[in-house]
Amino acid sequence: MSRRQIVAGGLAAAVAMPSIVRAAPITNQVTKRLVVIGDSYSDPNYDTTNTSAVIPNWAEILVSRGRAASMANYALSGATALDYANAPARGTFKKQLDLFLANPRYGDDDITVVYMGYNDIARSTDVRWTNLMQSKADFRVGVDRLLTAGAARDKRRLLIVAVHDWSRKPNSRAEYLPRTREWLTFTYDFVNKRRATHKGMICVNVFRRFNDVVLRPQSYGLNNVTTADPARAATTALYYNTSHFGAKGQTILANEFSSAFDLVCRTR
């Protein structure tokens, strides 16, 4: 069965896509610098806590664990793959890349992560996002700019994230399911095509991980994976609000990226 058939089958089975999870880390520090392109799931200033302190997101957790020595984070809440007029600074993939690629200063082992798509899936009522064609086109252009700049060359790696099932978030709408299917099918196919010539490009299967979280929540210490529960989002609830994970979910994300970092070690 092809990847397209699997994704179209319902996004339900945790075994839908191959896992990139591996054994214990080969080494703790994998990169001198982590470069992050993304939206609120990666924005260090997006608040998913009911206290006065902003909790660390997955990327900050990786740095705190010593898996990356430093980080350059361009992510902004609300950012989209589609580029559009009058978008805020860092509000689109292109705008984040324009800032980064103006002076990329790539090191010999940099890891660049592109984690986007949620806002393109969600904006179905905006005429600019009636379908995902332009979002996909702009995403391709952005990734190719990174590849041209050397993001996946030699010991550097470019990680592209397959987003989790956006149709399962607390305030989901009916159209999110087919739009999520379309974005995931595009992501898998695009990464596979580019990997034919860029072996340093890796897909981080966040979709598969969080399908497993929903199917086996107790295995992750969770008892609520369907409704927003800010008071328990650091312990037993997955969602802090109707669209975002809390501290617990960000830690699960960090663990998945850490497994991807282990794979990076094995492909250098």
C-alpha atoms as a PDB file:
ATOM      1  CA  MET A   1       0.000   0.000   0.000  1.00  0.00           C
ATOM      2  CA  SER A   2       1.346   3.436  -0.935  1.00  0.00           C
ATOM      3  CA  ARG A   3       1.795   6.341   1.456  1.00  0.00           C
ATOM      4  CA  ARG A   4      -1.005   8.163  -0.327  1.00  0.00           C
ATOM      5  CA  GLN A   5      -3.398   5.257   0.255  1.00  0.00           C
ATOM      6  CA  ILE A   6      -2.431   5.019   3.890  1.00  0.00           C
ATOM      7  CA  VAL A   7      -2.952   8.723   4.591  1.00  0.00           C
ATOM      8  CA  ALA A   8      -6.253   8.720   2.699  1.00  0.00           C
ATOM      9  CA  GLY A   9      -7.401   5.794   4.791  1.00  0.00           C
ATOM     10  CA  GLY A  10      -8.359   7.912   7.757  1.00  0.00           C
ATOM     11  CA  LEU A  11      -5.281   9.125   9.697  1.00  0.00           C
ATOM     12  CA  ALA A  12      -6.279   6.764  12.465  1.00  0.00           C
ATOM     13  CA  ALA A  13      -3.743   3.955  12.653  1.00  0.00           C
ATOM     14  CA  ALA A  14      -0.617   4.683  14.632  1.00  0.00           C
ATOM     15  CA  VAL A  15       1.284   2.393  12.267  1.00  0.00           C
ATOM     16  CA  ALA A  16       0.277   4.454   9.245  1.00  0.00           C
ATOM     17  CA  MET A  17       3.782   5.722   8.526  1.00  0.00           C
ATOM     18  CA  PRO A  18       7.230   4.303   9.278  1.00  0.00           C
ATOM     19  CA  SER A  19       8.743   5.442  12.558  1.00  0.00           C
ATOM     20  CA  ILE A  20      12.032   7.246  12.838  1.00  0.00           C
ATOM     21  CA  VAL A  21      12.360   6.352  16.529  1.00  0.00           C
ATOM     22  CA  ARG A  22      15.642   4.660  17.340  1.00  0.00           C
ATOM     23  CA  ALA A  23      17.499   3.413  20.398  1.00  0.00           C
ATOM     24  CA  ALA A  24      19.285   5.515  23.006  1.00  0.00           C
ATOM     25  CA  PRO A  25      21.282   8.516  21.799  1.00  0.00           C
ATOM     26  CA  ILE A  26      24.709   7.917  20.278  1.00  0.00           C
ATOM     27  CA  THR A  27      25.866  11.171  21.781  1.00  0.00           C
ATOM     28  CA  ASN A  28      24.087  13.918  23.677  1.00  0.00           C
ATOM     29  CA  GLN A  29      25.065  17.012  21.684  1.00  0.00           C
ATOM     30  CA  VAL A  30      24.151  16.479  18.050  1.00  0.00           C
ATOM     31  CA  THR A  31      24.513  19.998  16.696  1.00  0.00           C
ATOM     32  CA  LYS A  32      26.211  23.242  17.570  1.00  0.00           C
ATOM     33  CA  ARG A  33      23.160  25.129  16.285  1.00  0.00           C
ATOM     34  CA  LEU A  34      19.500  24.329  15.816  1.00  0.00           C
ATOM     35  CA  VAL A  35      17.689  26.571  13.304  1.00  0.00           C
ATOM     36  CA  VAL A  36      13.890  26.635  13.620  1.00  0.00           C
ATOM     37  CA  ILE A  37      11.360  27.780  11.023  1.00  0.00           C
ATOM     38  CA  GLY A  38       7.752  27.501  12.170  1.00  0.00           C
ATOM     39  CA  ASP A  39       4.598  28.746  13.874  1.00  0.00           C
ATOM     40  CA  SER A  40       3.189  28.851  17.423  1.00  0.00           C
ATOM     41  CA  TYR A  41       4.196  25.261  18.113  1.00  0.00           C
ATOM     42  CA  SER A  42       7.816  26.420  17.877  1.00  0.00           C
ATOM     43  CA  ASP A  43       7.524  30.109  18.838  1.00  0.00           C
ATOM     44  CA  PRO A  44       9.363  30.606  22.169  1.00  0.00           C
ATOM     45  CA  ASN A  45       7.115  33.562  22.981  1.00  0.00           C
ATOM     46  CA  TYR A  46       3.822  31.713  22.553  1.00  0.00           C
ATOM     47  CA  ASP A  47       2.326  31.197  26.011  1.00  0.00           C
ATOM     48  CA  THR A  48       0.870  27.768  26.810  1.00  0.00           C
ATOM     49  CA  THR A  49       0.774  27.997  30.569  1.00  0.00           C
ATOM     50  CA  ASN A  50      -1.666  29.352  33.118  1.00  0.00           C
ATOM     51  CA  THR A  51       1.136  30.923  35.144  1.00  0.00           C
ATOM     52  CA  SER A  52       3.118  34.103  34.593  1.00  0.00           C
ATOM     53  CA  ALA A  53       6.013  32.153  33.079  1.00  0.00           C
ATOM     54  CA  VAL A  54       6.145  30.997  29.463  1.00  0.00           C
ATOM     55  CA  ILE A  55       6.922  27.283  29.363  1.00  0.00           C
ATOM     56  CA  PRO A  56       9.733  26.019  27.126  1.00  0.00           C
ATOM     57  CA  ASN A  57       8.721  24.538  23.791  1.00  0.00           C
ATOM     58  CA  TRP A  58      10.233  21.446  22.165  1.00  0.00           C
ATOM     59  CA  ALA A  59      13.173  23.339  20.674  1.00  0.00           C
ATOM     60  CA  GLU A  60      14.057  25.063  23.934  1.00  0.00           C
ATOM     61  CA  ILE A  61      13.804  21.721  25.729  1.00  0.00           C
ATOM     62  CA  LEU A  62      16.331  20.205  23.313  1.00  0.00           C
ATOM     63  CA  VAL A  63      18.747  23.052  23.978  1.00  0.00           C
ATOM     64  CA  SER A  64      18.250  22.722  27.746  1.00  0.00           C
ATOM     65  CA  ARG A  65      19.031  19.004  27.445  1.00  0.00           C
ATOM     66  CA  GLY A  66      22.250  19.805  25.630  1.00  0.00           C
ATOM     67  CA  ARG A  67      21.218  18.158  22.377  1.00  0.00           C
ATOM     68  CA  ALA A  68      21.883  21.470  20.618  1.00  0.00           C
ATOM     69  CA  ALA A  69      24.461  23.944  21.895  1.00  0.00           C
ATOM     70  CA  SER A  70      22.542  26.971  20.609  1.00  0.00           C
ATOM     71  CA  MET A  71      19.434  27.937  18.649  1.00  0.00           C
ATOM     72  CA  ALA A  72      18.337  30.453  16.037  1.00  0.00           C
ATOM     73  CA  ASN A  73      14.535  30.473  16.187  1.00  0.00           C
ATOM     74  CA  TYR A  74      12.519  32.404  13.575  1.00  0.00           C
ATOM     75  CA  ALA A  75       9.129  30.828  14.359  1.00  0.00           C
ATOM     76  CA  LEU A  76       6.102  33.061  14.893  1.00  0.00           C
ATOM     77  CA  SER A  77       2.598  32.263  16.064  1.00  0.00           C
ATOM     78  CA  GLY A  78       0.192  32.304  13.122  1.00  0.00           C
ATOM     79  CA  ALA A  79       2.887  31.807  10.480  1.00  0.00           C
ATOM     80  CA  THR A  80       1.848  30.086   7.256  1.00  0.00           C
ATOM     81  CA  ALA A  81       3.584  28.262   4.437  1.00  0.00           C
ATOM     82  CA  LEU A  82       1.663  30.444   1.995  1.00  0.00           C
ATOM     83  CA  ASP A  83       3.245  33.844   1.436  1.00  0.00           C
ATOM     84  CA  TYR A  84       0.800  36.761   1.196  1.00  0.00           C
ATOM     85  CA  ALA A  85       0.788  40.548   1.022  1.00  0.00           C
ATOM     86  CA  ASN A  86       1.018  42.487   4.285  1.00  0.00           C
ATOM     87  CA  ALA A  87       1.964  39.424   6.342  1.00  0.00           C
ATOM     88  CA  PRO A  88       3.701  40.385   9.605  1.00  0.00           C
ATOM     89  CA  ALA A  89       7.440  40.083   9.936  1.00  0.00           C
ATOM     90  CA  ARG A  90       8.272  36.359  10.214  1.00  0.00           C
ATOM     91  CA  GLY A  91       4.579  35.690   9.471  1.00  0.00           C
ATOM     92  CA  THR A  92       5.259  33.356   6.524  1.00  0.00           C
ATOM     93  CA  PHE A  93       7.794  30.718   5.562  1.00  0.00           C
ATOM     94  CA  LYS A  94       9.285  33.099   2.988  1.00  0.00           C
ATOM     95  CA  LYS A  95       9.634  35.971   5.445  1.00  0.00           C
ATOM     96  CA  GLN A  96      11.362  33.766   8.000  1.00  0.00           C
ATOM     97  CA  LEU A  97      13.699  32.469   5.308  1.00  0.00           C
ATOM     98  CA  ASP A  98      14.452  35.979   4.064  1.00  0.00           C
ATOM     99  CA  LEU A  99      15.705  36.853   7.544  1.00  0.00           C
ATOM    100  CA  PHE A 100      17.669  33.670   8.039  1.00  0.00           C
ATOM    101  CA  LEU A 101      19.187  33.338   4.571  1.00  0.00           C
ATOM    102  CA  ALA A 102      20.337  36.953   4.540  1.00  0.00           C
ATOM    103  CA  ASN A 103      23.188  35.666   6.711  1.00  0.00           C
ATOM    104  CA  PRO A 104      22.799  31.933   7.355  1.00  0.00           C
ATOM    105  CA  ARG A 105      26.292  31.398   8.821  1.00  0.00           C
ATOM    106  CA  TYR A 106      25.863  27.650   8.436  1.00  0.00           C
ATOM    107  CA  GLY A 107      28.111  25.566  10.651  1.00  0.00           C
ATOM    108  CA  ASP A 108      29.391  22.154   9.667  1.00  0.00           C
ATOM    109  CA  ASP A 109      26.758  20.241  11.673  1.00  0.00           C
ATOM    110  CA  ASP A 110      23.743  22.587  11.791  1.00  0.00           C
ATOM    111  CA  ILE A 111      20.258  21.091  11.963  1.00  0.00           C
ATOM    112  CA  THR A 112      17.456  23.120  10.375  1.00  0.00           C
ATOM    113  CA  VAL A 113      13.841  22.259  11.210  1.00  0.00           C
ATOM    114  CA  VAL A 114      10.820  23.334   9.152  1.00  0.00           C
ATOM    115  CA  TYR A 115       7.650  22.781  11.191  1.00  0.00           C
ATOM    116  CA  MET A 116       4.645  24.369   9.458  1.00  0.00           C
ATOM    117  CA  GLY A 117       1.219  23.637   8.005  1.00  0.00           C
ATOM    118  CA  TYR A 118      -1.258  23.970  10.862  1.00  0.00           C
ATOM    119  CA  ASN A 119      -2.331  27.507   9.999  1.00  0.00           C
ATOM    120  CA  ASP A 120      -2.655  26.697   6.294  1.00  0.00           C
ATOM    121  CA  ILE A 121      -4.926  23.771   7.184  1.00  0.00           C
ATOM    122  CA  ALA A 122      -6.989  25.911   9.560  1.00  0.00           C
ATOM    123  CA  ARG A 123      -7.613  28.952   7.350  1.00  0.00           C
ATOM    124  CA  SER A 124     -10.124  27.247   5.081  1.00  0.00           C
ATOM    125  CA  THR A 125     -12.632  30.103   5.394  1.00  0.00           C
ATOM    126  CA  ASP A 126     -10.118  32.648   4.018  1.00  0.00           C
ATOM    127  CA  VAL A 127     -10.256  32.927   0.218  1.00  0.00           C
ATOM    128  CA  ARG A 128      -6.461  32.801   0.032  1.00  0.00           C
ATOM    129  CA  TRP A 129      -6.532  29.332   1.614  1.00  0.00           C
ATOM    130  CA  THR A 130      -9.668  27.957  -0.098  1.00  0.00           C
ATOM    131  CA  ASN A 131      -7.430  25.118  -1.197  1.00  0.00           C
ATOM    132  CA  LEU A 132      -3.843  24.271  -0.274  1.00  0.00           C
ATOM    133  CA  MET A 133      -2.305  24.555  -3.720  1.00  0.00           C
ATOM    134  CA  GLN A 134      -0.471  27.830  -3.132  1.00  0.00           C
ATOM    135  CA  SER A 135       0.589  26.783   0.369  1.00  0.00           C
ATOM    136  CA  LYS A 136       2.194  23.673  -1.076  1.00  0.00           C
ATOM    137  CA  ALA A 137       3.842  25.621  -3.886  1.00  0.00           C
ATOM    138  CA  ASP A 138       5.332  28.172  -1.476  1.00  0.00           C
ATOM    139  CA  PHE A 139       6.466  25.383   0.843  1.00  0.00           C
ATOM    140  CA  ARG A 140       8.328  23.693  -2.016  1.00  0.00           C
ATOM    141  CA  VAL A 141      10.035  26.956  -2.930  1.00  0.00           C
ATOM    142  CA  GLY A 142      11.080  27.573   0.664  1.00  0.00           C
ATOM    143  CA  VAL A 143      12.533  24.115   1.205  1.00  0.00           C
ATOM    144  CA  ASP A 144      14.388  24.318  -2.087  1.00  0.00           C
ATOM    145  CA  ARG A 145      15.913  27.623  -0.981  1.00  0.00           C
ATOM    146  CA  LEU A 146      17.226  25.874   2.123  1.00  0.00           C
ATOM    147  CA  LEU A 147      18.586  22.987   0.082  1.00  0.00           C
ATOM    148  CA  THR A 148      20.335  25.399  -2.288  1.00  0.00           C
ATOM    149  CA  ALA A 149      21.864  27.167   0.721  1.00  0.00           C
ATOM    150  CA  GLY A 150      23.311  23.863   1.915  1.00  0.00           C
ATOM    151  CA  ALA A 151      20.955  22.947   4.763  1.00  0.00           C
ATOM    152  CA  ALA A 152      21.239  19.217   3.960  1.00  0.00           C
ATOM    153  CA  ARG A 153      24.816  19.150   2.671  1.00  0.00           C
ATOM    154  CA  ASP A 154      27.676  17.120   4.203  1.00  0.00           C
ATOM    155  CA  LYS A 155      26.977  16.703   7.959  1.00  0.00           C
ATOM    156  CA  ARG A 156      24.151  19.253   8.056  1.00  0.00           C
ATOM    157  CA  ARG A 157      20.582  18.008   8.151  1.00  0.00           C
ATOM    158  CA  LEU A 158      17.221  19.469   7.125  1.00  0.00           C
ATOM    159  CA  LEU A 159      14.273  18.104   9.123  1.00  0.00           C
ATOM    160  CA  ILE A 160      10.761  18.461   7.673  1.00  0.00           C
ATOM    161  CA  VAL A 161       7.889  17.791  10.070  1.00  0.00           C
ATOM    162  CA  ALA A 162       4.794  15.749   9.232  1.00  0.00           C
ATOM    163  CA  VAL A 163       2.269  17.588  11.430  1.00  0.00           C
ATOM    164  CA  HIS A 164      -0.023  15.781  13.856  1.00  0.00           C
ATOM    165  CA  ASP A 165      -3.689  15.205  13.033  1.00  0.00           C
ATOM    166  CA  TRP A 166      -5.173  18.720  13.129  1.00  0.00           C
ATOM    167  CA  SER A 167      -8.673  17.267  12.767  1.00  0.00           C
ATOM    168  CA  ARG A 168      -8.422  15.893  16.316  1.00  0.00           C
ATOM    169  CA  LYS A 169      -7.823  19.167  18.130  1.00  0.00           C
ATOM    170  CA  PRO A 170     -10.565  20.365  20.518  1.00  0.00           C
ATOM    171  CA  ASN A 171     -12.135  22.925  18.175  1.00  0.00           C
ATOM    172  CA  SER A 172     -11.824  20.915  14.979  1.00  0.00           C
ATOM    173  CA  ARG A 173     -14.106  21.518  12.008  1.00  0.00           C
ATOM    174  CA  ALA A 174     -15.215  18.936   9.443  1.00  0.00           C
ATOM    175  CA  GLU A 175     -12.980  20.298   6.686  1.00  0.00           C
ATOM    176  CA  TYR A 176      -9.829  19.842   8.774  1.00  0.00           C
ATOM    177  CA  LEU A 177      -9.748  16.094   8.135  1.00  0.00           C
ATOM    178  CA  PRO A 178      -9.435  16.154   4.322  1.00  0.00           C
ATOM    179  CA  ARG A 179      -7.141  19.189   4.496  1.00  0.00           C
ATOM    180  CA  THR A 180      -4.878  17.416   6.996  1.00  0.00           C
ATOM    181  CA  ARG A 181      -4.828  14.336   4.764  1.00  0.00           C
ATOM    182  CA  GLU A 182      -3.866  16.481   1.794  1.00  0.00           C
ATOM    183  CA  TRP A 183      -1.068  18.261   3.661  1.00  0.00           C
ATOM    184  CA  LEU A 184       0.377  15.018   5.011  1.00  0.00           C
ATOM    185  CA  THR A 185       0.279  13.282   1.629  1.00  0.00           C
ATOM    186  CA  PHE A 186       2.050  16.285   0.137  1.00  0.00           C
ATOM    187  CA  THR A 187       4.662  16.303   2.916  1.00  0.00           C
ATOM    188  CA  TYR A 188       5.561  12.631   2.602  1.00  0.00           C
ATOM    189  CA  ASP A 189       5.679  12.687  -1.192  1.00  0.00           C
ATOM    190  CA  PHE A 190       7.693  15.897  -1.327  1.00  0.00           C
ATOM    191  CA  VAL A 191      10.296  14.696   1.193  1.00  0.00           C
ATOM    192  CA  ASN A 192      10.678  11.377  -0.624  1.00  0.00           C
ATOM    193  CA  LYS A 193      11.210  13.102  -3.968  1.00  0.00           C
ATOM    194  CA  ARG A 194      13.798  15.529  -2.625  1.00  0.00           C
ATOM    195  CA  ARG A 195      15.627  12.787  -0.740  1.00  0.00           C
ATOM    196  CA  ALA A 196      16.483  11.184  -4.072  1.00  0.00           C
ATOM    197  CA  THR A 197      19.123  13.893  -4.468  1.00  0.00           C
ATOM    198  CA  HIS A 198      19.398  15.274  -0.919  1.00  0.00           C
ATOM    199  CA  LYS A 199      20.037  12.430   1.520  1.00  0.00           C
ATOM    200  CA  GLY A 200      20.474  14.900   4.359  1.00  0.00           C
ATOM    201  CA  MET A 201      16.744  15.644   4.371  1.00  0.00           C
ATOM    202  CA  ILE A 202      14.701  13.766   7.013  1.00  0.00           C
ATOM    203  CA  CYS A 203      10.986  13.573   7.811  1.00  0.00           C
ATOM    204  CA  VAL A 204      10.085  13.875  11.510  1.00  0.00           C
ATOM    205  CA  ASN A 205       6.893  11.876  11.907  1.00  0.00           C
ATOM    206  CA  VAL A 206       5.011  13.914  14.517  1.00  0.00           C
ATOM    207  CA  PHE A 207       1.779  12.649  12.922  1.00  0.00           C
ATOM    208  CA  ARG A 208       2.565   9.050  13.796  1.00  0.00           C
ATOM    209  CA  ARG A 209       3.724   9.880  17.313  1.00  0.00           C
ATOM    210  CA  PHE A 210       0.582  11.765  18.273  1.00  0.00           C
ATOM    211  CA  ASN A 211      -1.697   9.182  16.703  1.00  0.00           C
ATOM    212  CA  ASP A 212      -0.093   6.822  19.192  1.00  0.00           C
ATOM    213  CA  VAL A 213      -0.590   9.350  21.995  1.00  0.00           C
ATOM    214  CA  VAL A 214      -4.319   9.476  21.211  1.00  0.00           C
ATOM    215  CA  LEU A 215      -4.602   5.684  20.960  1.00  0.00           C
ATOM    216  CA  ARG A 216      -2.547   4.951  24.102  1.00  0.00           C
ATOM    217  CA  PRO A 217      -2.695   8.079  26.276  1.00  0.00           C
ATOM    218  CA  GLN A 218      -1.923   6.253  29.530  1.00  0.00           C
ATOM    219  CA  SER A 219       1.421   5.173  28.103  1.00  0.00           C
ATOM    220  CA  TYR A 220       2.365   8.842  28.033  1.00  0.00           C
ATOM    221  CA  GLY A 221       0.916   9.665  31.456  1.00  0.00           C
ATOM    222  CA  LEU A 222      -2.176  11.327  29.958  1.00  0.00           C
ATOM    223  CA  ASN A 223      -5.872  10.851  30.650  1.00  0.00           C
ATOM    224  CA  ASN A 224      -7.290  13.689  28.515  1.00  0.00           C
ATOM    225  CA  VAL A 225      -6.295  14.016  24.861  1.00  0.00           C
ATOM    226  CA  THR A 226      -9.510  15.539  23.504  1.00  0.00           C
ATOM    227  CA  THR A 227     -10.437  18.707  25.409  1.00  0.00           C
ATOM    228  CA  ALA A 228      -8.589  21.840  26.499  1.00  0.00           C
ATOM    229  CA  ASP A 229      -7.523  21.699  30.147  1.00  0.00           C
ATOM    230  CA  PRO A 230      -5.007  24.449  30.986  1.00  0.00           C
ATOM    231  CA  ALA A 231      -4.837  23.510  34.665  1.00  0.00           C
ATOM    232  CA  ARG A 232      -3.602  19.994  33.825  1.00  0.00           C
ATOM    233  CA  ALA A 233      -1.759  20.610  30.552  1.00  0.00           C
ATOM    234  CA  ALA A 234       1.573  20.182  32.302  1.00  0.00           C
ATOM    235  CA  THR A 235       0.628  16.803  33.741  1.00  0.00           C
ATOM    236  CA  THR A 236      -2.273  14.683  32.480  1.00  0.00           C
ATOM    237  CA  ALA A 237      -3.908  16.703  29.657  1.00  0.00           C
ATOM    238  CA  LEU A 238      -2.555  17.068  26.130  1.00  0.00           C
ATOM    239  CA  TYR A 239      -4.166  20.378  25.141  1.00  0.00           C
ATOM    240  CA  TYR A 240      -3.642  23.670  26.912  1.00  0.00           C
ATOM    241  CA  ASN A 241      -6.197  25.429  24.697  1.00  0.00           C
ATOM    242  CA  THR A 242      -8.323  24.535  21.682  1.00  0.00           C
ATOM    243  CA  SER A 243      -5.335  24.423  19.304  1.00  0.00           C
ATOM    244  CA  HIS A 244      -2.143  23.934  21.283  1.00  0.00           C
ATOM    245  CA  PHE A 245      -0.379  21.384  23.433  1.00  0.00           C
ATOM    246  CA  GLY A 246       0.672  22.346  26.935  1.00  0.00           C
ATOM    247  CA  ALA A 247       3.941  21.498  28.674  1.00  0.00           C
ATOM    248  CA  LYS A 248       3.273  17.762  28.575  1.00  0.00           C
ATOM    249  CA  GLY A 249       2.669  17.758  24.828  1.00  0.00           C
ATOM    250  CA  GLN A 250       5.725  19.913  24.178  1.00  0.00           C
ATOM    251  CA  THR A 251       7.823  17.408  26.111  1.00  0.00           C
ATOM    252  CA  ILE A 252       6.472  14.573  23.959  1.00  0.00           C
ATOM    253  CA  LEU A 253       7.359  16.663  20.909  1.00  0.00           C
ATOM    254  CA  ALA A 254      10.864  17.206  22.273  1.00  0.00           C
ATOM    255  CA  ASN A 255      11.269  13.457  22.766  1.00  0.00           C
ATOM    256  CA  GLU A 256      10.234  12.817  19.154  1.00  0.00           C
ATOM    257  CA  PHE A 257      12.712  15.395  17.864  1.00  0.00           C
ATOM    258  CA  SER A 258      15.366  13.890  20.108  1.00  0.00           C
ATOM    259  CA  SER A 259      14.773  10.550  18.405  1.00  0.00           C
ATOM    260  CA  ALA A 260      15.162  12.317  15.062  1.00  0.00           C
ATOM    261  CA  PHE A 261      18.459  13.723  16.309  1.00  0.00           C
ATOM    262  CA  ASP A 262      19.580  10.155  17.046  1.00  0.00           C
ATOM    263  CA  LEU A 263      18.818   9.314  13.421  1.00  0.00           C
ATOM    264  CA  VAL A 264      20.873  12.337  12.355  1.00  0.00           C
ATOM    265  CA  CYS A 265      23.843  10.811  14.180  1.00  0.00           C
ATOM    266  CA  ARG A 266      23.364   7.574  12.260  1.00  0.00           C
ATOM    267  CA  THR A 267      23.209   9.258   8.858  1.00  0.00           C
ATOM    268  CA  ARG A 268      26.377  11.328   9.120  1.00  0.00           C
END
